[in-house]
Amino acid sequence: MSGTRPIAVVAGLLLFGVAIRNAAPQSLVPAGSINDAVGRPGAVIVTQADPAIEKFVETIQKRFFPKSRVRQDSDTPEADLAGVDLIVYGTPKHAWLARHAAKLPFRFGEGTLEIDGRRFAGEHLRVICAMKSPSDPSRRALVYAAAKADDVVGINGVFHGPTEWVVADGTKSLGAGSFTSAAISVDDLRSDLDTLVAALRDVHPATVEGLPPDVQRAVDATREALREPMTRTAAWRALSRVLVEMHDAHSVLWPPASGDRLALSFVWLEGGLVVSTDEGDLKRGDRILAINGNDEARLTAALRSIVSTENANWLHARGEDVLCDLGTLRVLGLATEFPVPLRIERGGATIDVKVGRSIAGARPHPSEPWVRFAIDKEHGLGVFTLDRCVVDAQYQETLARFFRVVEEQGIGRIAVDVRANGGGDSSVVDEFLRYVDVDGYVNFGGDVRFSSAVALKHWGR
């Protein structure tokens, strides 16, 4: 399998870093996320021969890529770019970009930019994407491109990293997502299935004595179904069938986000789906009765076909994200295009509304820190909120400050809010318990197995 985007986690362990492959004509993508590409040491920066771009790249190189060499496109033979990763800054006039224009996964037009089947318009269009290097497909190229030279300057100020591509108009994000549209061959699909099964056998605690019967049946049925090329999103759904039978929320095949997000935010409560943010015709507190005619029962059934979970709570939590991605709705047969009809209940009345595309193409990043606390002195309550399980200086400093305030204000009760926490390093609990007056506590233990892919990546064997 090619690429470097992690797509599967089993029992809390990263199994392998891969991206489901695309065949020609988009032979250069996917190649992992932007973060995967930007972290590669020793990359060569290829800059356009333009004074403003060169000056900007000089600043960027010193700040972010001090070990990288800078080469000007006009004096860099193609042969010199083989065997190295590239970071490319320029416009369509950039010699390297022009030379490989037919292979690139994006196209600039007159005031437009096309990428992965979507078209964006703007006066200051910019694109940041990760792809295989056309100079050497075994290497990566991270491209920072704009329609105009002036818009290449400052392009690093556009938020980017976790996705495979980002498009912006100046500083305004227009969309971000994965490369999803090209087809994957049958041979590659079956190879991807083999890699997934091998990873499960390598590390999952439920496979110590072999694949469970339900999982083996799912593997056999999936292999039989892989008879024709599929899009990347359809392939994700097909392979998810195997993990669903694990009934384990830590066994994850992450969907390739299309970047086509609905202008909708909701939470899935015990009483159903409830709109959480005013947007368009939707009001916070509206209850969603159906999405494109699909009621809660049908939405739940669709999610059960792709989400591995032990309980309904995690199923609903995943639904809050994947059901807002049009690409996912499309492959699940729940919706095909914008606007998407919604039936809602507000004040006892049933209302039909239509939801369009999110302008930013993705949910906004939360403004609050991922670790924080609040004190309700009137009720003697301290609430510590942890949205990520990461033990770093920010966590340790916030935790120390929280317990210091609790002691100073005589707070008698504390609660830990992990509703938005997707997991991570379990030692956050050990750090927390240092502040709790207990004689002792029982921790967990276990055996750790590493997949052959992880062993090869980290230890070369």
Protein backbone atom coordinates (compact mmCIF):
# COMPACT_ATOMS: atom_id res chain seq x y z
CA MET A 1 0.00 0.00 0.00
CA SER A 2 1.24 3.46 -0.77
CA GLY A 3 1.03 6.73 1.10
CA THR A 4 1.59 7.62 4.73
CA ARG A 5 -1.77 8.63 6.22
CA PRO A 6 -2.60 6.56 9.32
CA ILE A 7 -5.96 4.90 8.68
CA ALA A 8 -6.25 2.18 11.28
CA VAL A 9 -5.87 1.90 15.00
CA VAL A 10 -6.50 -1.32 16.88
CA ALA A 11 -6.69 -1.65 20.65
CA GLY A 12 -5.22 1.82 21.05
CA LEU A 13 -2.13 1.06 18.92
CA LEU A 14 -1.28 2.59 15.56
CA LEU A 15 -1.28 -0.33 13.18
CA PHE A 16 0.09 1.11 10.01
CA GLY A 17 0.54 4.42 8.23
CA VAL A 18 -1.08 4.10 4.85
CA ALA A 19 -3.36 5.90 2.46
CA ILE A 20 -5.62 3.87 0.22
CA ARG A 21 -4.20 4.20 -3.28
CA ASN A 22 -5.56 5.90 -6.34
CA ALA A 23 -4.80 4.72 -9.85
CA ALA A 24 -4.15 6.94 -12.87
CA PRO A 25 -4.90 9.65 -13.84
CA GLN A 26 -4.46 10.95 -10.29
CA SER A 27 -1.36 8.81 -9.81
CA LEU A 28 0.33 11.32 -7.48
CA VAL A 29 -2.37 11.26 -4.80
CA PRO A 30 -3.09 10.34 -2.11
CA ALA A 31 0.29 10.67 -0.44
CA GLY A 32 -0.65 11.19 3.19
CA SER A 33 -1.54 14.37 5.00
CA ILE A 34 0.21 17.71 4.74
CA ASN A 35 1.63 17.08 8.22
CA ASP A 36 3.14 13.80 6.99
CA ALA A 37 4.91 15.63 4.17
CA VAL A 38 6.05 18.69 6.10
CA GLY A 39 7.81 16.65 8.78
CA ARG A 40 10.27 14.97 6.41
CA PRO A 41 13.90 15.93 7.11
CA GLY A 42 16.31 17.00 4.40
CA ALA A 43 13.72 18.16 1.90
CA VAL A 44 14.76 20.47 -0.94
CA ILE A 45 12.81 23.72 -1.32
CA VAL A 46 12.21 24.59 -4.98
CA THR A 47 11.19 28.22 -5.31
CA GLN A 48 10.00 30.18 -8.29
CA ALA A 49 12.41 32.72 -9.76
CA ASP A 50 10.46 35.72 -8.48
CA PRO A 51 12.00 38.29 -6.10
CA ALA A 52 8.98 38.49 -3.76
CA ILE A 53 8.59 34.70 -3.55
CA GLU A 54 12.30 34.15 -3.05
CA LYS A 55 12.44 36.67 -0.20
CA PHE A 56 9.43 35.04 1.47
CA VAL A 57 10.88 31.53 1.07
CA GLU A 58 14.16 32.66 2.58
CA THR A 59 12.28 33.70 5.74
CA ILE A 60 10.26 30.47 5.82
CA GLN A 61 13.34 28.32 5.31
CA LYS A 62 15.17 29.87 8.25
CA ARG A 63 12.15 29.58 10.52
CA PHE A 64 10.64 26.20 9.62
CA PHE A 65 13.08 24.27 7.42
CA PRO A 66 16.59 25.21 8.60
CA LYS A 67 18.09 21.93 7.36
CA SER A 68 16.58 22.22 3.89
CA ARG A 69 18.40 23.51 0.83
CA VAL A 70 16.74 26.15 -1.35
CA ARG A 71 16.94 25.78 -5.12
CA GLN A 72 15.56 28.11 -7.76
CA ASP A 73 13.34 26.39 -10.32
CA SER A 74 15.14 27.95 -13.29
CA ASP A 75 18.50 26.38 -12.40
CA THR A 76 17.39 22.99 -11.04
CA PRO A 77 17.60 20.05 -13.49
CA GLU A 78 14.93 17.38 -13.05
CA ALA A 79 17.59 14.75 -12.34
CA ASP A 80 18.71 16.69 -9.25
CA LEU A 81 15.21 16.33 -7.71
CA ALA A 82 15.14 12.53 -7.69
CA GLY A 83 15.81 10.83 -4.38
CA VAL A 84 14.70 13.79 -2.24
CA ASP A 85 11.46 15.15 -0.83
CA LEU A 86 10.39 18.53 -2.16
CA ILE A 87 8.74 21.67 -0.83
CA VAL A 88 7.54 23.78 -3.75
CA TYR A 89 6.56 27.47 -3.67
CA GLY A 90 5.22 29.18 -6.76
CA THR A 91 2.49 30.01 -9.28
CA PRO A 92 1.55 28.16 -12.50
CA LYS A 93 4.56 29.97 -14.03
CA HIS A 94 6.91 28.05 -11.70
CA ALA A 95 9.06 25.96 -14.06
CA TRP A 96 8.65 22.76 -12.04
CA LEU A 97 4.89 23.21 -11.67
CA ALA A 98 4.53 24.00 -15.38
CA ARG A 99 6.61 20.98 -16.36
CA HIS A 100 4.36 18.64 -14.39
CA ALA A 101 1.07 20.52 -14.86
CA ALA A 102 -0.72 17.57 -16.54
CA LYS A 103 -0.04 15.32 -13.52
CA LEU A 104 -0.86 17.77 -10.74
CA PRO A 105 -4.04 17.09 -8.72
CA PHE A 106 -5.16 20.73 -9.04
CA ARG A 107 -5.74 23.22 -11.85
CA PHE A 108 -5.79 27.03 -11.83
CA GLY A 109 -8.22 28.75 -14.19
CA GLU A 110 -9.33 32.34 -14.64
CA GLY A 111 -10.29 33.18 -11.07
CA THR A 112 -10.90 29.49 -10.32
CA LEU A 113 -9.14 26.48 -8.87
CA GLU A 114 -10.19 22.84 -9.36
CA ILE A 115 -9.17 20.02 -7.03
CA ASP A 116 -10.61 16.56 -6.45
CA GLY A 117 -13.74 17.28 -8.45
CA ARG A 118 -14.50 20.60 -6.76
CA ARG A 119 -14.22 24.12 -8.17
CA PHE A 120 -13.42 27.17 -6.07
CA ALA A 121 -13.56 30.82 -7.09
CA GLY A 122 -11.78 33.81 -5.60
CA GLU A 123 -9.51 36.76 -6.23
CA HIS A 124 -6.54 35.47 -4.22
CA LEU A 125 -6.70 31.69 -4.64
CA ARG A 126 -4.16 29.54 -2.85
CA VAL A 127 -3.71 25.77 -2.56
CA ILE A 128 -1.56 23.70 -0.21
CA CYS A 129 -1.39 19.97 -0.85
CA ALA A 130 0.72 16.87 -0.29
CA MET A 131 1.40 14.51 -3.18
CA LYS A 132 3.97 12.08 -4.51
CA SER A 133 6.79 13.86 -6.24
CA PRO A 134 6.45 13.61 -10.05
CA SER A 135 10.23 13.87 -10.09
CA ASP A 136 10.43 10.67 -8.00
CA PRO A 137 7.13 9.00 -6.96
CA SER A 138 8.86 7.25 -4.06
CA ARG A 139 9.27 10.70 -2.50
CA ARG A 140 6.82 13.38 -1.36
CA ALA A 141 6.20 16.90 -2.63
CA LEU A 142 4.52 19.52 -0.46
CA VAL A 143 3.17 22.24 -2.73
CA TYR A 144 2.36 25.83 -1.74
CA ALA A 145 0.87 27.43 -4.85
CA ALA A 146 -1.20 30.49 -5.72
CA ALA A 147 -2.57 32.04 -8.88
CA LYS A 148 -0.48 35.19 -8.30
CA ALA A 149 3.03 35.67 -6.95
CA ASP A 150 1.81 38.17 -4.35
CA ASP A 151 -0.46 35.45 -2.91
CA VAL A 152 2.37 32.95 -2.53
CA VAL A 153 3.86 35.42 -0.07
CA GLY A 154 2.35 34.65 3.34
CA ILE A 155 0.72 31.40 2.23
CA ASN A 156 2.00 29.58 5.31
CA GLY A 157 -0.40 31.70 7.34
CA VAL A 158 -3.31 29.63 5.96
CA PHE A 159 -4.23 26.93 8.50
CA HIS A 160 -3.05 23.57 7.15
CA GLY A 161 -1.72 20.25 8.33
CA PRO A 162 -4.21 17.49 9.21
CA THR A 163 -5.82 17.21 5.75
CA GLU A 164 -4.37 16.30 2.36
CA TRP A 165 -5.28 19.59 0.68
CA VAL A 166 -6.44 23.07 1.61
CA VAL A 167 -7.82 25.82 -0.63
CA ALA A 168 -8.10 29.44 0.51
CA ASP A 169 -8.99 32.83 -0.90
CA GLY A 170 -6.38 34.98 0.78
CA THR A 171 -6.60 34.06 4.47
CA LYS A 172 -10.16 32.70 4.19
CA SER A 173 -10.34 28.91 4.03
CA LEU A 174 -12.66 27.70 1.26
CA GLY A 175 -12.22 23.97 1.71
CA ALA A 176 -10.01 21.18 3.03
CA GLY A 177 -10.13 17.44 2.67
CA SER A 178 -8.73 14.23 1.23
CA PHE A 179 -8.25 13.16 -2.37
CA THR A 180 -11.23 10.86 -2.88
CA SER A 181 -12.37 10.85 -6.50
CA ALA A 182 -10.02 8.58 -8.49
CA ALA A 183 -10.57 4.83 -8.73
CA ILE A 184 -8.61 2.08 -6.98
CA SER A 185 -7.90 -1.07 -8.95
CA VAL A 186 -9.20 -4.48 -7.85
CA ASP A 187 -5.65 -5.72 -7.20
CA ASP A 188 -4.92 -2.74 -4.99
CA LEU A 189 -8.23 -3.14 -3.14
CA ARG A 190 -7.43 -6.75 -2.31
CA SER A 191 -3.89 -5.81 -1.31
CA ASP A 192 -5.32 -3.17 1.04
CA LEU A 193 -7.64 -5.80 2.55
CA ASP A 194 -4.67 -8.14 3.08
CA THR A 195 -2.74 -5.37 4.84
CA LEU A 196 -5.68 -4.61 7.11
CA VAL A 197 -6.16 -8.28 8.02
CA ALA A 198 -2.43 -8.75 8.64
CA ALA A 199 -2.43 -5.77 11.00
CA LEU A 200 -5.40 -7.16 12.94
CA ARG A 201 -3.67 -10.53 13.30
CA ASP A 202 -0.45 -8.85 14.41
CA VAL A 203 -1.74 -6.77 17.29
CA HIS A 204 -5.40 -7.06 18.23
CA PRO A 205 -5.98 -8.87 21.56
CA ALA A 206 -9.05 -10.59 20.11
CA THR A 207 -6.94 -12.26 17.39
CA VAL A 208 -4.31 -13.96 19.55
CA GLU A 209 -5.78 -17.33 18.59
CA GLY A 210 -6.78 -16.23 15.09
CA LEU A 211 -9.52 -14.10 13.60
CA PRO A 212 -12.90 -14.49 15.33
CA PRO A 213 -15.41 -16.37 13.10
CA ASP A 214 -17.57 -13.28 12.45
CA VAL A 215 -14.52 -11.31 11.40
CA GLN A 216 -13.27 -14.09 9.12
CA ARG A 217 -16.69 -14.28 7.45
CA ALA A 218 -16.60 -10.51 6.92
CA VAL A 219 -13.11 -10.77 5.38
CA ASP A 220 -14.27 -13.49 2.99
CA ALA A 221 -17.42 -11.59 2.01
CA THR A 222 -15.47 -8.37 1.48
CA ARG A 223 -12.86 -10.09 -0.69
CA GLU A 224 -15.62 -11.62 -2.79
CA ALA A 225 -17.24 -8.17 -3.20
CA LEU A 226 -14.03 -6.56 -4.49
CA ARG A 227 -14.67 -7.31 -8.15
CA GLU A 228 -14.40 -3.87 -9.78
CA PRO A 229 -12.52 -0.60 -9.18
CA MET A 230 -13.88 1.67 -6.44
CA THR A 231 -13.45 5.25 -5.35
CA ARG A 232 -11.41 5.79 -2.24
CA THR A 233 -14.53 6.50 -0.18
CA ALA A 234 -16.31 3.38 -1.44
CA ALA A 235 -13.19 1.35 -0.64
CA TRP A 236 -13.22 2.73 2.89
CA ARG A 237 -16.82 1.59 3.33
CA ALA A 238 -16.06 -1.88 1.95
CA LEU A 239 -13.07 -2.44 4.24
CA SER A 240 -14.92 -1.01 7.23
CA ARG A 241 -17.15 -4.07 7.08
CA VAL A 242 -14.27 -6.11 8.55
CA LEU A 243 -13.63 -3.78 11.48
CA VAL A 244 -17.33 -3.46 12.30
CA GLU A 245 -17.29 -7.13 13.27
CA MET A 246 -14.53 -6.43 15.83
CA HIS A 247 -17.05 -4.44 17.91
CA ASP A 248 -14.15 -2.36 19.20
CA ALA A 249 -14.13 1.44 19.07
CA HIS A 250 -10.31 1.44 19.02
CA SER A 251 -10.32 -0.42 15.70
CA VAL A 252 -10.69 2.48 13.29
CA LEU A 253 -10.47 2.89 9.55
CA TRP A 254 -10.62 6.68 9.22
CA PRO A 255 -12.79 7.90 6.35
CA PRO A 256 -11.20 10.07 3.66
CA ALA A 257 -12.97 13.37 4.32
CA SER A 258 -14.34 14.84 1.10
CA GLY A 259 -14.04 18.43 2.33
CA ASP A 260 -17.69 18.92 1.34
CA ARG A 261 -19.14 19.69 4.75
CA LEU A 262 -22.76 20.49 5.50
CA ALA A 263 -23.44 23.83 7.19
CA LEU A 264 -24.70 21.85 10.16
CA SER A 265 -23.53 21.12 13.70
CA PHE A 266 -25.50 18.78 15.93
CA VAL A 267 -25.19 16.59 19.00
CA TRP A 268 -26.78 13.17 19.28
CA LEU A 269 -28.52 13.03 22.63
CA GLU A 270 -30.64 10.33 24.19
CA GLY A 271 -33.71 12.04 22.76
CA GLY A 272 -32.32 12.28 19.24
CA LEU A 273 -30.27 14.60 17.04
CA VAL A 274 -30.27 18.23 18.21
CA VAL A 275 -28.84 21.22 16.35
CA SER A 276 -26.06 22.78 18.43
CA THR A 277 -25.30 26.00 16.50
CA ASP A 278 -27.45 28.63 14.78
CA GLU A 279 -26.69 28.40 11.07
CA GLY A 280 -28.82 29.41 8.07
CA ASP A 281 -32.43 28.36 8.70
CA LEU A 282 -31.39 26.16 11.62
CA LYS A 283 -31.64 27.26 15.23
CA ARG A 284 -29.83 25.86 18.23
CA GLY A 285 -32.15 23.37 19.92
CA ASP A 286 -33.95 22.24 16.75
CA ARG A 287 -34.50 18.50 16.79
CA ILE A 288 -33.51 16.78 13.53
CA LEU A 289 -36.20 14.28 12.53
CA ALA A 290 -34.69 13.26 9.19
CA ILE A 291 -31.75 13.99 6.88
CA ASN A 292 -32.83 13.76 3.23
CA GLY A 293 -35.80 11.64 4.31
CA ASN A 294 -33.67 9.29 6.44
CA ASP A 295 -34.99 9.10 9.99
CA GLU A 296 -32.94 8.33 13.10
CA ALA A 297 -33.40 4.56 12.72
CA ARG A 298 -32.05 4.58 9.16
CA LEU A 299 -29.16 6.89 10.05
CA THR A 300 -28.24 4.57 12.92
CA ALA A 301 -28.36 1.52 10.65
CA ALA A 302 -26.09 3.23 8.12
CA LEU A 303 -23.59 4.12 10.83
CA ARG A 304 -23.54 0.53 12.10
CA SER A 305 -22.26 -0.53 8.68
CA ILE A 306 -19.09 1.58 9.02
CA VAL A 307 -18.42 2.22 12.73
CA SER A 308 -16.82 -0.39 14.97
CA THR A 309 -18.14 0.13 18.47
CA GLU A 310 -19.16 -1.56 21.70
CA ASN A 311 -22.07 0.75 22.42
CA ALA A 312 -24.51 3.26 20.96
CA ASN A 313 -22.80 6.22 22.61
CA TRP A 314 -19.69 5.97 20.44
CA LEU A 315 -21.80 5.23 17.38
CA HIS A 316 -23.67 8.50 17.92
CA ALA A 317 -20.48 10.43 18.68
CA ARG A 318 -18.97 9.33 15.35
CA GLY A 319 -22.25 10.15 13.63
CA GLU A 320 -21.97 13.78 14.70
CA ASP A 321 -18.93 14.05 12.45
CA VAL A 322 -19.36 11.65 9.52
CA LEU A 323 -23.00 12.56 8.84
CA CYS A 324 -21.93 16.14 8.14
CA ASP A 325 -19.60 15.07 5.29
CA LEU A 326 -21.40 14.91 1.93
CA GLY A 327 -18.90 12.39 0.57
CA THR A 328 -19.76 10.01 3.40
CA LEU A 329 -23.51 10.61 3.01
CA ARG A 330 -23.14 9.87 -0.69
CA VAL A 331 -21.34 6.54 -0.24
CA LEU A 332 -23.86 5.51 2.43
CA GLY A 333 -26.71 6.29 0.05
CA LEU A 334 -28.15 8.95 2.37
CA ALA A 335 -27.70 12.08 0.19
CA THR A 336 -26.06 12.98 -3.11
CA GLU A 337 -25.83 16.75 -3.49
CA PHE A 338 -26.30 20.17 -1.91
CA PRO A 339 -28.62 21.46 -0.61
CA VAL A 340 -29.54 18.53 1.67
CA PRO A 341 -33.16 18.52 2.90
CA LEU A 342 -33.71 18.29 6.66
CA ARG A 343 -36.94 17.80 8.56
CA ILE A 344 -36.80 19.39 11.98
CA GLU A 345 -39.03 19.94 14.96
CA ARG A 346 -39.13 23.40 16.57
CA GLY A 347 -41.59 24.46 19.24
CA GLY A 348 -43.87 21.52 18.50
CA ALA A 349 -44.03 22.31 14.78
CA THR A 350 -42.47 20.25 11.98
CA ILE A 351 -40.45 22.31 9.49
CA ASP A 352 -38.64 21.38 6.26
CA VAL A 353 -35.37 23.23 5.62
CA LYS A 354 -32.44 22.83 3.25
CA VAL A 355 -28.79 22.80 4.34
CA GLY A 356 -26.06 23.97 1.99
CA ARG A 357 -22.30 23.62 1.94
CA SER A 358 -20.27 24.95 4.85
CA ILE A 359 -18.39 28.02 3.65
CA ALA A 360 -15.19 26.97 5.40
CA GLY A 361 -15.54 23.40 4.17
CA ALA A 362 -14.96 22.05 7.69
CA ARG A 363 -15.99 22.60 11.25
CA PRO A 364 -14.36 25.62 12.86
CA HIS A 365 -11.55 24.95 15.24
CA PRO A 366 -12.60 25.42 18.85
CA SER A 367 -11.47 28.68 20.41
CA GLU A 368 -11.14 27.20 23.90
CA PRO A 369 -7.95 25.40 25.02
CA TRP A 370 -8.15 21.61 24.84
CA VAL A 371 -7.45 21.44 28.58
CA ARG A 372 -9.19 23.94 30.88
CA PHE A 373 -11.25 24.27 34.03
CA ALA A 374 -14.08 26.25 35.56
CA ILE A 375 -15.01 26.86 39.20
CA ASP A 376 -18.60 27.06 40.42
CA LYS A 377 -17.95 28.48 43.87
CA GLU A 378 -21.64 28.78 44.72
CA HIS A 379 -22.10 25.02 44.44
CA GLY A 380 -18.59 24.07 45.55
CA LEU A 381 -17.79 22.43 42.22
CA GLY A 382 -14.70 22.44 40.03
CA VAL A 383 -14.99 21.11 36.46
CA PHE A 384 -11.81 20.03 34.71
CA THR A 385 -12.27 19.63 30.94
CA LEU A 386 -9.92 17.42 28.94
CA ASP A 387 -10.54 17.22 25.19
CA ARG A 388 -7.34 15.26 24.49
CA CYS A 389 -5.31 12.71 26.43
CA VAL A 390 -1.88 14.30 26.10
CA VAL A 391 0.65 14.60 28.92
CA ASP A 392 2.65 17.72 28.13
CA ALA A 393 3.61 20.99 29.83
CA GLN A 394 0.22 22.57 29.05
CA TYR A 395 -1.64 19.67 30.67
CA GLN A 396 0.62 19.55 33.71
CA GLU A 397 0.52 23.32 34.28
CA THR A 398 -3.28 23.50 33.89
CA LEU A 399 -3.75 20.52 36.20
CA ALA A 400 -1.52 22.07 38.89
CA ARG A 401 -3.35 25.38 38.59
CA PHE A 402 -6.73 23.66 38.84
CA PHE A 403 -5.93 21.85 42.08
CA ARG A 404 -4.29 24.96 43.52
CA VAL A 405 -7.50 26.94 42.93
CA VAL A 406 -9.60 24.06 44.29
CA GLU A 407 -7.58 24.11 47.51
CA GLU A 408 -7.50 27.90 47.83
CA GLN A 409 -11.26 28.24 47.36
CA GLY A 410 -12.20 25.22 49.46
CA ILE A 411 -13.95 23.38 46.62
CA GLY A 412 -15.33 20.08 47.90
CA ARG A 413 -16.31 18.37 44.64
CA ILE A 414 -14.63 18.03 41.27
CA ALA A 415 -15.77 16.58 37.96
CA VAL A 416 -13.78 15.68 34.86
CA ASP A 417 -15.45 16.42 31.51
CA VAL A 418 -14.15 14.10 28.76
CA ARG A 419 -17.19 14.25 26.45
CA ALA A 420 -15.13 15.61 23.56
CA ASN A 421 -12.12 13.40 24.26
CA GLY A 422 -11.23 10.82 21.64
CA GLY A 423 -8.55 9.14 23.76
CA GLY A 424 -4.77 9.09 23.75
CA ASP A 425 -2.13 8.66 26.45
CA SER A 426 -3.61 6.89 29.50
CA SER A 427 -0.92 8.35 31.75
CA VAL A 428 -3.07 11.48 32.01
CA VAL A 429 -4.87 9.52 34.73
CA ASP A 430 -1.64 8.84 36.64
CA GLU A 431 -0.77 12.53 36.54
CA PHE A 432 -4.26 13.47 37.76
CA LEU A 433 -4.20 10.99 40.66
CA ARG A 434 -1.03 12.57 42.04
CA TYR A 435 -3.30 15.28 43.39
CA VAL A 436 -5.94 12.99 44.88
CA ASP A 437 -5.66 11.94 48.52
CA VAL A 438 -5.99 8.16 48.22
CA ASP A 439 -3.92 5.37 49.78
CA GLY A 440 -3.57 3.63 46.44
CA TYR A 441 -5.33 2.60 43.29
CA VAL A 442 -5.39 -0.32 40.90
CA ASN A 443 -3.88 0.29 37.48
CA PHE A 444 -4.08 -1.91 34.40
CA GLY A 445 -1.38 -4.00 32.81
CA GLY A 446 -1.02 -6.01 29.63
CA ASP A 447 1.11 -7.30 26.83
CA VAL A 448 1.95 -5.10 23.85
CA ARG A 449 2.19 -6.38 20.29
CA PHE A 450 3.46 -4.33 17.36
CA SER A 451 2.43 -4.84 13.77
CA SER A 452 5.07 -5.74 11.21
CA ALA A 453 4.49 -2.34 9.53
CA VAL A 454 5.21 -0.45 12.75
CA ALA A 455 8.28 -2.61 13.43
CA LEU A 456 9.60 -1.92 9.93
CA LYS A 457 9.00 1.81 10.26
CA HIS A 458 10.58 2.25 13.69
CA TRP A 459 13.18 -0.50 13.92
CA GLY A 460 13.80 -1.47 10.31
CA ARG A 461 12.68 -5.05 10.78
